[in-house]
Amino acid sequence: MKTKKAELFSIAFFLLLFLNGICLYAQDEVRHNPWSLIIYRPENSWQINETRCYLKLEDAETGEDVTYTKAKANYSWISEPKKGIPYERFYYLCGGMAMHLLLKKGRYKISFCTPKEKIFAQGLSQELFEKDWNSNIFLYDTENPAKVIFVSPTANENGFYNGSWHIDHKAPEFFKFTKPERD
C-alpha cells in the first residue's frame, strides 16, 4: 500500500513538473519582442502594388540615418506569413508584404520614400512620375512599442492616387483591396 502511494505521488509530481515546463515554454513563445516591429503594406490595386516604398529610419535624438546600422530586417509575403526572407540590399515593401524589423533599443523616426526613378506603376497620371513619393513620419519608441504599423498609399478626395505614403498604427479600411488614405 505504501509503495502504491509513493508511486502515485511520484507520477503526480513528475506530471506537475512536466506541465509546469510546458507552461513556461509556451510563455516564451507567445511573448512579443519589444524591439521587433512588423510593418505591413496591404495589397492595393494592380497599378500600385508593384511600386516599392523604401524604409528610412532616423535616430529621433540625433537625426542620423540608422536604417542599416541599428536595424536588421527580413520580409514575408502575406500568403506565406511564417516564411521570413532576408533582404539582399534595400529595406522596401510592395503590396502584400510585411517587414519584420529588429531594432536596437531607442527612439526612431520611421518614414518611407519612393524615388521618382523607381516608380513603375502603370495607369497613373504623368505628374505622379515626376516627383518622389514621401510618407509622413512615424515616431517609434522601443520603450513603449507598437507591434504592427501599416503603410498605405494616399489618394485625393476623388479616390485617385496622389503619390505619397501614409504610416499609421491603425489598419487602413478594406474593400476588395486596401482603400488608400485620403488627404
N, C-alpha and C. Protein backbone atom coordinates (compact mmCIF):
# COMPACT_ATOMS: atom_id res chain seq x y z
N MET A 1 0.82 -1.19 0.00
CA MET A 1 0.00 0.00 0.00
C MET A 1 0.87 1.26 0.00
N LYS A 2 1.93 1.21 0.79
CA LYS A 2 2.80 2.37 0.88
C LYS A 2 3.52 2.61 -0.44
N THR A 3 3.91 1.55 -1.12
CA THR A 3 4.60 1.71 -2.41
C THR A 3 3.65 2.23 -3.47
N LYS A 4 2.39 1.86 -3.40
CA LYS A 4 1.39 2.34 -4.35
C LYS A 4 1.21 3.86 -4.19
N LYS A 5 1.14 4.36 -2.93
CA LYS A 5 1.00 5.80 -2.68
C LYS A 5 2.26 6.54 -3.15
N ALA A 6 3.40 5.97 -2.89
CA ALA A 6 4.66 6.59 -3.31
C ALA A 6 4.74 6.65 -4.83
N GLU A 7 4.29 5.58 -5.46
CA GLU A 7 4.30 5.54 -6.93
C GLU A 7 3.35 6.59 -7.51
N LEU A 8 2.14 6.72 -6.97
CA LEU A 8 1.18 7.73 -7.42
C LEU A 8 1.70 9.13 -7.16
N PHE A 9 2.33 9.33 -6.00
CA PHE A 9 2.90 10.64 -5.68
C PHE A 9 4.00 11.02 -6.68
N SER A 10 4.88 10.08 -6.99
CA SER A 10 5.98 10.38 -7.92
C SER A 10 5.44 10.65 -9.33
N ILE A 11 4.42 9.93 -9.75
CA ILE A 11 3.82 10.17 -11.07
C ILE A 11 3.18 11.56 -11.09
N ALA A 12 2.44 11.90 -10.04
CA ALA A 12 1.80 13.22 -9.96
C ALA A 12 2.85 14.33 -9.94
N PHE A 13 3.94 14.11 -9.18
CA PHE A 13 5.00 15.09 -9.08
C PHE A 13 5.65 15.33 -10.45
N PHE A 14 5.99 14.27 -11.16
CA PHE A 14 6.60 14.41 -12.49
C PHE A 14 5.62 15.00 -13.50
N LEU A 15 4.36 14.66 -13.39
CA LEU A 15 3.34 15.25 -14.26
C LEU A 15 3.23 16.75 -14.01
N LEU A 16 3.26 17.16 -12.74
CA LEU A 16 3.22 18.57 -12.41
C LEU A 16 4.44 19.31 -12.95
N LEU A 17 5.62 18.73 -12.82
CA LEU A 17 6.84 19.33 -13.36
C LEU A 17 6.75 19.46 -14.89
N PHE A 18 6.25 18.41 -15.52
CA PHE A 18 6.12 18.40 -16.97
C PHE A 18 5.17 19.50 -17.45
N LEU A 19 4.01 19.62 -16.81
CA LEU A 19 3.05 20.65 -17.18
C LEU A 19 3.59 22.05 -16.90
N ASN A 20 4.32 22.21 -15.82
CA ASN A 20 4.93 23.50 -15.50
C ASN A 20 5.96 23.88 -16.58
N GLY A 21 6.75 22.92 -17.03
CA GLY A 21 7.72 23.16 -18.09
C GLY A 21 7.05 23.56 -19.39
N ILE A 22 5.93 22.93 -19.72
CA ILE A 22 5.19 23.28 -20.94
C ILE A 22 4.67 24.71 -20.84
N CYS A 23 4.13 25.08 -19.68
CA CYS A 23 3.61 26.45 -19.50
C CYS A 23 4.72 27.48 -19.63
N LEU A 24 5.87 27.21 -19.06
CA LEU A 24 6.99 28.14 -19.17
C LEU A 24 7.45 28.27 -20.62
N TYR A 25 7.52 27.16 -21.34
CA TYR A 25 7.93 27.19 -22.74
C TYR A 25 6.92 27.96 -23.57
N ALA A 26 5.62 27.74 -23.32
CA ALA A 26 4.58 28.42 -24.08
C ALA A 26 4.63 29.92 -23.84
N GLN A 27 4.93 30.35 -22.62
CA GLN A 27 5.04 31.77 -22.35
C GLN A 27 6.15 32.40 -23.17
N ASP A 28 7.28 31.73 -23.29
CA ASP A 28 8.38 32.27 -24.08
C ASP A 28 8.01 32.39 -25.55
N GLU A 29 7.23 31.48 -26.05
CA GLU A 29 6.87 31.50 -27.46
C GLU A 29 5.88 32.62 -27.77
N VAL A 30 4.99 32.94 -26.87
CA VAL A 30 3.93 33.90 -27.12
C VAL A 30 4.40 35.34 -26.91
N ARG A 31 5.36 35.54 -26.07
CA ARG A 31 5.80 36.89 -25.70
C ARG A 31 6.34 37.64 -26.91
N HIS A 32 5.96 38.93 -27.02
CA HIS A 32 6.42 39.78 -28.13
C HIS A 32 7.75 40.42 -27.77
N ASN A 33 8.69 40.40 -28.70
CA ASN A 33 9.97 41.05 -28.51
C ASN A 33 9.75 42.55 -28.66
N PRO A 34 10.01 43.36 -27.61
CA PRO A 34 9.70 44.79 -27.70
C PRO A 34 10.55 45.54 -28.72
N TRP A 35 11.63 44.97 -29.19
CA TRP A 35 12.45 45.65 -30.19
C TRP A 35 12.15 45.15 -31.60
N SER A 36 11.10 44.34 -31.73
CA SER A 36 10.69 43.83 -33.02
C SER A 36 9.41 44.54 -33.46
N LEU A 37 9.42 45.01 -34.68
CA LEU A 37 8.28 45.73 -35.21
C LEU A 37 7.91 45.12 -36.56
N ILE A 38 6.63 44.91 -36.78
CA ILE A 38 6.14 44.44 -38.08
C ILE A 38 5.53 45.64 -38.80
N ILE A 39 6.01 45.89 -40.01
CA ILE A 39 5.46 46.95 -40.84
C ILE A 39 4.78 46.27 -42.01
N TYR A 40 3.48 46.47 -42.13
CA TYR A 40 2.69 45.75 -43.12
C TYR A 40 2.17 46.72 -44.18
N ARG A 41 2.35 46.35 -45.43
CA ARG A 41 1.77 47.11 -46.55
C ARG A 41 0.75 46.22 -47.23
N PRO A 42 -0.53 46.45 -46.96
CA PRO A 42 -1.58 45.61 -47.56
C PRO A 42 -1.61 45.76 -49.08
N GLU A 43 -2.24 44.79 -49.72
CA GLU A 43 -2.38 44.85 -51.17
C GLU A 43 -3.30 45.99 -51.57
N ASN A 44 -2.98 46.61 -52.69
CA ASN A 44 -3.79 47.67 -53.26
C ASN A 44 -4.18 47.27 -54.67
N SER A 45 -4.54 48.23 -55.48
CA SER A 45 -4.90 47.93 -56.86
C SER A 45 -3.65 47.53 -57.64
N TRP A 46 -3.84 46.93 -58.79
CA TRP A 46 -2.72 46.45 -59.61
C TRP A 46 -1.80 47.59 -60.00
N GLN A 47 -2.31 48.83 -60.10
CA GLN A 47 -1.48 49.96 -60.53
C GLN A 47 -0.40 50.29 -59.50
N ILE A 48 -0.63 50.00 -58.26
CA ILE A 48 0.25 50.49 -57.21
C ILE A 48 1.00 49.38 -56.47
N ASN A 49 0.54 48.13 -56.56
CA ASN A 49 1.14 47.03 -55.80
C ASN A 49 2.64 46.86 -56.03
N GLU A 50 3.09 46.98 -57.26
CA GLU A 50 4.50 46.72 -57.58
C GLU A 50 5.42 47.90 -57.29
N THR A 51 4.86 49.04 -56.97
CA THR A 51 5.69 50.20 -56.64
C THR A 51 6.25 50.00 -55.24
N ARG A 52 7.56 49.97 -55.14
CA ARG A 52 8.21 49.76 -53.85
C ARG A 52 8.29 51.06 -53.06
N CYS A 53 8.12 50.95 -51.75
CA CYS A 53 8.40 52.09 -50.88
C CYS A 53 9.57 51.66 -49.99
N TYR A 54 10.57 52.51 -49.87
CA TYR A 54 11.83 52.19 -49.20
C TYR A 54 11.87 52.80 -47.80
N LEU A 55 12.29 52.00 -46.85
CA LEU A 55 12.36 52.42 -45.44
C LEU A 55 13.48 53.43 -45.21
N LYS A 56 13.17 54.44 -44.41
CA LYS A 56 14.19 55.35 -43.89
C LYS A 56 13.99 55.40 -42.39
N LEU A 57 15.03 55.08 -41.65
CA LEU A 57 14.97 55.03 -40.19
C LEU A 57 15.98 56.03 -39.65
N GLU A 58 15.50 56.99 -38.86
CA GLU A 58 16.38 58.01 -38.27
C GLU A 58 16.36 57.90 -36.77
N ASP A 59 17.50 58.18 -36.15
CA ASP A 59 17.56 58.29 -34.70
C ASP A 59 16.79 59.55 -34.32
N ALA A 60 15.82 59.44 -33.41
CA ALA A 60 14.95 60.58 -33.07
C ALA A 60 15.71 61.70 -32.38
N GLU A 61 16.78 61.38 -31.65
CA GLU A 61 17.53 62.41 -30.95
C GLU A 61 18.54 63.12 -31.85
N THR A 62 19.27 62.37 -32.65
CA THR A 62 20.36 62.95 -33.43
C THR A 62 19.98 63.26 -34.87
N GLY A 63 18.93 62.65 -35.40
CA GLY A 63 18.54 62.84 -36.78
C GLY A 63 19.39 62.04 -37.76
N GLU A 64 20.29 61.21 -37.25
CA GLU A 64 21.19 60.40 -38.07
C GLU A 64 20.42 59.26 -38.74
N ASP A 65 20.73 58.99 -40.00
CA ASP A 65 20.14 57.86 -40.72
C ASP A 65 20.74 56.57 -40.18
N VAL A 66 19.92 55.73 -39.55
CA VAL A 66 20.39 54.48 -38.93
C VAL A 66 19.69 53.26 -39.53
N THR A 67 19.21 53.41 -40.77
CA THR A 67 18.43 52.35 -41.41
C THR A 67 19.17 51.01 -41.42
N TYR A 68 20.46 51.03 -41.71
CA TYR A 68 21.20 49.78 -41.82
C TYR A 68 22.19 49.57 -40.68
N THR A 69 22.28 50.51 -39.74
CA THR A 69 23.22 50.35 -38.63
C THR A 69 22.55 49.92 -37.34
N LYS A 70 21.29 50.31 -37.11
CA LYS A 70 20.60 49.96 -35.86
C LYS A 70 19.40 49.06 -36.09
N ALA A 71 19.28 48.52 -37.28
CA ALA A 71 18.14 47.67 -37.59
C ALA A 71 18.55 46.52 -38.50
N LYS A 72 17.90 45.41 -38.31
CA LYS A 72 18.01 44.27 -39.22
C LYS A 72 16.60 43.90 -39.62
N ALA A 73 16.44 43.45 -40.85
CA ALA A 73 15.08 43.19 -41.32
C ALA A 73 15.03 41.98 -42.23
N ASN A 74 13.87 41.34 -42.23
CA ASN A 74 13.53 40.37 -43.25
C ASN A 74 12.07 40.62 -43.62
N TYR A 75 11.61 39.96 -44.67
CA TYR A 75 10.24 40.20 -45.11
C TYR A 75 9.53 38.89 -45.35
N SER A 76 8.20 38.98 -45.42
CA SER A 76 7.39 37.83 -45.78
C SER A 76 6.22 38.33 -46.61
N TRP A 77 5.71 37.46 -47.44
CA TRP A 77 4.50 37.76 -48.21
C TRP A 77 3.32 37.35 -47.36
N ILE A 78 2.21 38.05 -47.52
CA ILE A 78 1.04 37.75 -46.71
C ILE A 78 0.53 36.34 -46.99
N SER A 79 0.82 35.81 -48.16
CA SER A 79 0.41 34.45 -48.49
C SER A 79 1.25 33.41 -47.74
N GLU A 80 2.44 33.78 -47.29
CA GLU A 80 3.32 32.89 -46.52
C GLU A 80 3.90 33.66 -45.32
N PRO A 81 3.06 33.97 -44.33
CA PRO A 81 3.50 34.86 -43.25
C PRO A 81 4.60 34.30 -42.36
N LYS A 82 4.76 33.00 -42.28
CA LYS A 82 5.78 32.41 -41.40
C LYS A 82 7.14 32.26 -42.07
N LYS A 83 7.21 32.53 -43.37
CA LYS A 83 8.46 32.35 -44.11
C LYS A 83 9.21 33.67 -44.20
N GLY A 84 10.19 33.87 -43.32
CA GLY A 84 10.98 35.10 -43.32
C GLY A 84 12.10 35.02 -44.35
N ILE A 85 12.19 36.01 -45.20
CA ILE A 85 13.20 36.06 -46.25
C ILE A 85 14.11 37.26 -45.98
N PRO A 86 15.42 37.06 -45.85
CA PRO A 86 16.30 38.20 -45.60
C PRO A 86 16.37 39.13 -46.81
N TYR A 87 16.44 40.42 -46.54
CA TYR A 87 16.63 41.39 -47.63
C TYR A 87 18.05 41.25 -48.16
N GLU A 88 18.21 41.41 -49.46
CA GLU A 88 19.54 41.32 -50.05
C GLU A 88 20.26 42.65 -50.04
N ARG A 89 19.53 43.74 -50.25
CA ARG A 89 20.21 45.02 -50.37
C ARG A 89 19.48 46.15 -49.64
N PHE A 90 18.25 46.49 -50.07
CA PHE A 90 17.50 47.60 -49.51
C PHE A 90 16.28 47.08 -48.76
N TYR A 91 15.86 47.82 -47.75
CA TYR A 91 14.64 47.50 -47.00
C TYR A 91 13.48 48.21 -47.69
N TYR A 92 12.55 47.44 -48.27
CA TYR A 92 11.43 48.02 -49.02
C TYR A 92 10.18 47.18 -48.79
N LEU A 93 9.05 47.72 -49.21
CA LEU A 93 7.78 46.99 -49.18
C LEU A 93 7.05 47.16 -50.51
N CYS A 94 6.42 46.08 -50.95
CA CYS A 94 5.47 46.10 -52.07
C CYS A 94 4.11 45.75 -51.47
N GLY A 95 3.06 45.88 -52.26
CA GLY A 95 1.74 45.49 -51.78
C GLY A 95 1.69 44.01 -51.41
N GLY A 96 1.20 43.70 -50.24
CA GLY A 96 1.09 42.32 -49.78
C GLY A 96 2.31 41.82 -49.02
N MET A 97 3.22 42.72 -48.63
CA MET A 97 4.43 42.33 -47.90
C MET A 97 4.38 42.83 -46.46
N ALA A 98 5.08 42.10 -45.60
CA ALA A 98 5.28 42.52 -44.21
C ALA A 98 6.78 42.53 -43.93
N MET A 99 7.26 43.62 -43.34
CA MET A 99 8.67 43.74 -42.96
C MET A 99 8.77 43.46 -41.47
N HIS A 100 9.68 42.57 -41.10
CA HIS A 100 9.94 42.26 -39.70
C HIS A 100 11.24 42.96 -39.33
N LEU A 101 11.12 44.03 -38.57
CA LEU A 101 12.24 44.91 -38.26
C LEU A 101 12.68 44.69 -36.83
N LEU A 102 13.94 44.31 -36.65
CA LEU A 102 14.52 44.12 -35.33
C LEU A 102 15.39 45.33 -35.04
N LEU A 103 14.99 46.10 -34.04
CA LEU A 103 15.64 47.38 -33.73
C LEU A 103 16.45 47.30 -32.44
N LYS A 104 17.52 48.06 -32.41
CA LYS A 104 18.23 48.26 -31.15
C LYS A 104 17.39 49.21 -30.30
N LYS A 105 17.58 49.16 -28.99
CA LYS A 105 16.81 49.99 -28.07
C LYS A 105 17.00 51.47 -28.41
N GLY A 106 15.88 52.24 -28.42
CA GLY A 106 15.97 53.66 -28.70
C GLY A 106 14.67 54.23 -29.25
N ARG A 107 14.74 55.49 -29.67
CA ARG A 107 13.61 56.19 -30.28
C ARG A 107 13.95 56.47 -31.74
N TYR A 108 12.98 56.24 -32.62
CA TYR A 108 13.23 56.33 -34.06
C TYR A 108 12.13 57.12 -34.76
N LYS A 109 12.51 57.73 -35.88
CA LYS A 109 11.57 58.32 -36.82
C LYS A 109 11.53 57.39 -38.02
N ILE A 110 10.37 56.85 -38.30
CA ILE A 110 10.21 55.91 -39.41
C ILE A 110 9.48 56.64 -40.54
N SER A 111 10.03 56.52 -41.74
CA SER A 111 9.37 57.08 -42.92
C SER A 111 9.66 56.17 -44.12
N PHE A 112 8.90 56.39 -45.18
CA PHE A 112 9.08 55.65 -46.43
C PHE A 112 9.14 56.63 -47.59
N CYS A 113 9.89 56.25 -48.62
CA CYS A 113 10.04 57.10 -49.80
C CYS A 113 10.17 56.21 -51.04
N THR A 114 9.59 56.67 -52.11
CA THR A 114 9.81 56.04 -53.42
C THR A 114 10.40 57.11 -54.32
N PRO A 115 11.69 57.00 -54.67
CA PRO A 115 12.29 57.99 -55.58
C PRO A 115 11.60 57.93 -56.95
N LYS A 116 11.49 59.07 -57.61
CA LYS A 116 10.78 59.13 -58.89
C LYS A 116 11.34 58.18 -59.94
N GLU A 117 12.65 57.91 -59.89
CA GLU A 117 13.24 57.00 -60.87
C GLU A 117 12.90 55.52 -60.59
N LYS A 118 12.25 55.24 -59.46
CA LYS A 118 11.89 53.86 -59.12
C LYS A 118 10.38 53.63 -59.11
N ILE A 119 9.62 54.53 -59.70
CA ILE A 119 8.17 54.38 -59.78
C ILE A 119 7.86 53.63 -61.07
N PHE A 120 7.27 52.45 -60.94
CA PHE A 120 7.00 51.62 -62.11
C PHE A 120 5.51 51.30 -62.26
N ALA A 121 4.66 52.04 -61.58
CA ALA A 121 3.23 51.77 -61.64
C ALA A 121 2.68 52.11 -63.02
N GLN A 122 1.65 51.38 -63.43
CA GLN A 122 1.02 51.64 -64.72
C GLN A 122 -0.34 52.27 -64.51
N GLY A 123 -0.77 53.05 -65.48
CA GLY A 123 -2.12 53.61 -65.44
C GLY A 123 -2.28 54.80 -64.51
N LEU A 124 -1.18 55.42 -64.08
CA LEU A 124 -1.25 56.60 -63.22
C LEU A 124 -0.99 57.85 -64.04
N SER A 125 -1.42 59.00 -63.54
CA SER A 125 -1.18 60.24 -64.27
C SER A 125 0.31 60.55 -64.34
N GLN A 126 0.72 61.23 -65.38
CA GLN A 126 2.13 61.52 -65.64
C GLN A 126 2.77 62.33 -64.51
N GLU A 127 2.03 63.21 -63.88
CA GLU A 127 2.60 64.04 -62.81
C GLU A 127 3.08 63.21 -61.61
N LEU A 128 2.54 62.03 -61.42
CA LEU A 128 2.98 61.18 -60.31
C LEU A 128 4.36 60.57 -60.56
N PHE A 129 4.79 60.55 -61.82
CA PHE A 129 6.11 60.02 -62.16
C PHE A 129 7.20 61.09 -62.06
N GLU A 130 6.82 62.32 -61.81
CA GLU A 130 7.77 63.43 -61.81
C GLU A 130 8.20 63.89 -60.43
N LYS A 131 7.75 63.20 -59.38
CA LYS A 131 8.13 63.59 -58.02
C LYS A 131 8.39 62.35 -57.17
N ASP A 132 9.17 62.54 -56.10
CA ASP A 132 9.37 61.46 -55.13
C ASP A 132 8.10 61.30 -54.31
N TRP A 133 7.78 60.06 -53.96
CA TRP A 133 6.63 59.80 -53.11
C TRP A 133 7.14 59.64 -51.69
N ASN A 134 6.79 60.55 -50.80
CA ASN A 134 7.24 60.52 -49.42
C ASN A 134 6.09 60.24 -48.48
N SER A 135 6.41 59.79 -47.29
CA SER A 135 5.39 59.49 -46.28
C SER A 135 5.44 60.51 -45.16
N ASN A 136 4.48 60.39 -44.26
CA ASN A 136 4.54 61.10 -43.00
C ASN A 136 5.63 60.44 -42.14
N ILE A 137 5.96 61.05 -41.02
CA ILE A 137 6.97 60.48 -40.11
C ILE A 137 6.24 59.85 -38.93
N PHE A 138 6.59 58.61 -38.64
CA PHE A 138 6.00 57.88 -37.51
C PHE A 138 7.06 57.77 -36.43
N LEU A 139 6.76 58.28 -35.23
CA LEU A 139 7.70 58.18 -34.10
C LEU A 139 7.50 56.84 -33.40
N TYR A 140 8.60 56.12 -33.22
CA TYR A 140 8.55 54.80 -32.61
C TYR A 140 9.57 54.74 -31.47
N ASP A 141 9.12 54.26 -30.32
CA ASP A 141 9.96 54.14 -29.14
C ASP A 141 9.95 52.69 -28.68
N THR A 142 11.12 52.07 -28.56
CA THR A 142 11.17 50.67 -28.13
C THR A 142 10.76 50.50 -26.67
N GLU A 143 10.72 51.58 -25.90
CA GLU A 143 10.26 51.51 -24.51
C GLU A 143 8.74 51.43 -24.42
N ASN A 144 8.05 51.92 -25.44
CA ASN A 144 6.59 51.90 -25.49
C ASN A 144 6.18 51.44 -26.88
N PRO A 145 6.44 50.18 -27.19
CA PRO A 145 6.35 49.75 -28.59
C PRO A 145 4.95 49.44 -29.09
N ALA A 146 4.76 49.69 -30.36
CA ALA A 146 3.63 49.15 -31.10
C ALA A 146 4.13 47.83 -31.69
N LYS A 147 3.24 46.91 -31.96
CA LYS A 147 3.66 45.63 -32.53
C LYS A 147 3.60 45.66 -34.05
N VAL A 148 2.62 46.38 -34.59
CA VAL A 148 2.42 46.43 -36.04
C VAL A 148 2.06 47.86 -36.43
N ILE A 149 2.66 48.34 -37.53
CA ILE A 149 2.21 49.58 -38.15
C ILE A 149 1.94 49.30 -39.63
N PHE A 150 1.19 50.17 -40.26
CA PHE A 150 0.73 49.94 -41.62
C PHE A 150 1.19 51.08 -42.53
N VAL A 151 1.54 50.73 -43.77
CA VAL A 151 1.92 51.70 -44.79
C VAL A 151 0.94 51.54 -45.94
N SER A 152 0.33 52.63 -46.35
CA SER A 152 -0.60 52.57 -47.48
C SER A 152 -0.44 53.82 -48.33
N PRO A 153 -0.80 53.74 -49.62
CA PRO A 153 -0.71 54.91 -50.49
C PRO A 153 -1.81 55.92 -50.13
N THR A 154 -1.60 57.16 -50.52
CA THR A 154 -2.61 58.18 -50.27
C THR A 154 -3.35 58.51 -51.57
N ALA A 155 -4.54 59.08 -51.41
CA ALA A 155 -5.36 59.45 -52.57
C ALA A 155 -6.02 60.79 -52.31
N ASN A 156 -6.43 61.44 -53.39
CA ASN A 156 -7.15 62.71 -53.23
C ASN A 156 -8.61 62.44 -52.88
N GLU A 157 -9.42 63.49 -52.79
CA GLU A 157 -10.82 63.33 -52.38
C GLU A 157 -11.64 62.52 -53.38
N ASN A 158 -11.16 62.38 -54.62
CA ASN A 158 -11.86 61.58 -55.64
C ASN A 158 -11.43 60.12 -55.65
N GLY A 159 -10.45 59.77 -54.83
CA GLY A 159 -10.00 58.39 -54.74
C GLY A 159 -8.86 58.04 -55.66
N PHE A 160 -8.26 59.03 -56.35
CA PHE A 160 -7.13 58.77 -57.23
C PHE A 160 -5.83 58.91 -56.45
N TYR A 161 -4.89 58.01 -56.71
CA TYR A 161 -3.60 58.06 -56.02
C TYR A 161 -2.92 59.39 -56.30
N ASN A 162 -2.30 59.97 -55.25
CA ASN A 162 -1.65 61.27 -55.43
C ASN A 162 -0.15 61.24 -55.16
N GLY A 163 0.42 60.08 -55.00
CA GLY A 163 1.87 59.98 -54.94
C GLY A 163 2.50 60.26 -53.60
N SER A 164 2.00 59.64 -52.55
CA SER A 164 2.66 59.68 -51.24
C SER A 164 2.21 58.47 -50.43
N TRP A 165 2.82 58.28 -49.28
CA TRP A 165 2.54 57.14 -48.41
C TRP A 165 2.04 57.63 -47.06
N HIS A 166 1.24 56.81 -46.39
CA HIS A 166 0.75 57.15 -45.06
C HIS A 166 1.09 55.99 -44.11
N ILE A 167 1.73 56.33 -42.98
CA ILE A 167 2.08 55.34 -41.95
C ILE A 167 1.16 55.58 -40.76
N ASP A 168 0.58 54.49 -40.24
CA ASP A 168 -0.32 54.62 -39.10
C ASP A 168 -0.28 53.34 -38.28
N HIS A 169 -0.67 53.47 -37.01
CA HIS A 169 -0.75 52.29 -36.15
C HIS A 169 -2.08 51.57 -36.32
N LYS A 170 -3.04 52.20 -37.01
CA LYS A 170 -4.33 51.57 -37.27
C LYS A 170 -4.35 51.01 -38.69
N ALA A 171 -5.00 49.89 -38.84
CA ALA A 171 -5.12 49.28 -40.17
C ALA A 171 -6.00 50.13 -41.06
N PRO A 172 -5.64 50.25 -42.35
CA PRO A 172 -6.49 51.01 -43.28
C PRO A 172 -7.79 50.26 -43.55
N GLU A 173 -8.78 50.99 -44.05
CA GLU A 173 -10.05 50.36 -44.40
C GLU A 173 -9.86 49.41 -45.57
N PHE A 174 -10.68 48.36 -45.61
CA PHE A 174 -10.59 47.38 -46.68
C PHE A 174 -11.91 47.30 -47.42
N PHE A 175 -11.84 47.08 -48.71
CA PHE A 175 -12.99 46.69 -49.51
C PHE A 175 -12.56 45.39 -50.16
N LYS A 176 -12.24 45.38 -51.42
CA LYS A 176 -11.61 44.22 -52.04
C LYS A 176 -10.10 44.33 -51.85
N PHE A 177 -9.60 45.54 -51.90
CA PHE A 177 -8.21 45.86 -51.61
C PHE A 177 -8.22 46.94 -50.54
N THR A 178 -7.05 47.33 -50.11
CA THR A 178 -6.95 48.41 -49.13
C THR A 178 -7.40 49.72 -49.77
N LYS A 179 -8.21 50.45 -49.07
CA LYS A 179 -8.57 51.79 -49.55
C LYS A 179 -7.40 52.71 -49.24
N PRO A 180 -7.01 53.56 -50.17
CA PRO A 180 -5.90 54.48 -49.89
C PRO A 180 -6.30 55.51 -48.84
N GLU A 181 -5.33 56.00 -48.10
CA GLU A 181 -5.55 57.06 -47.12
C GLU A 181 -5.88 58.34 -47.88
N ARG A 182 -6.94 59.02 -47.49
CA ARG A 182 -7.35 60.24 -48.19
C ARG A 182 -6.74 61.46 -47.51
N ASP A 183 -6.27 62.39 -48.32
CA ASP A 183 -5.70 63.64 -47.79
C ASP A 183 -6.79 64.54 -47.26
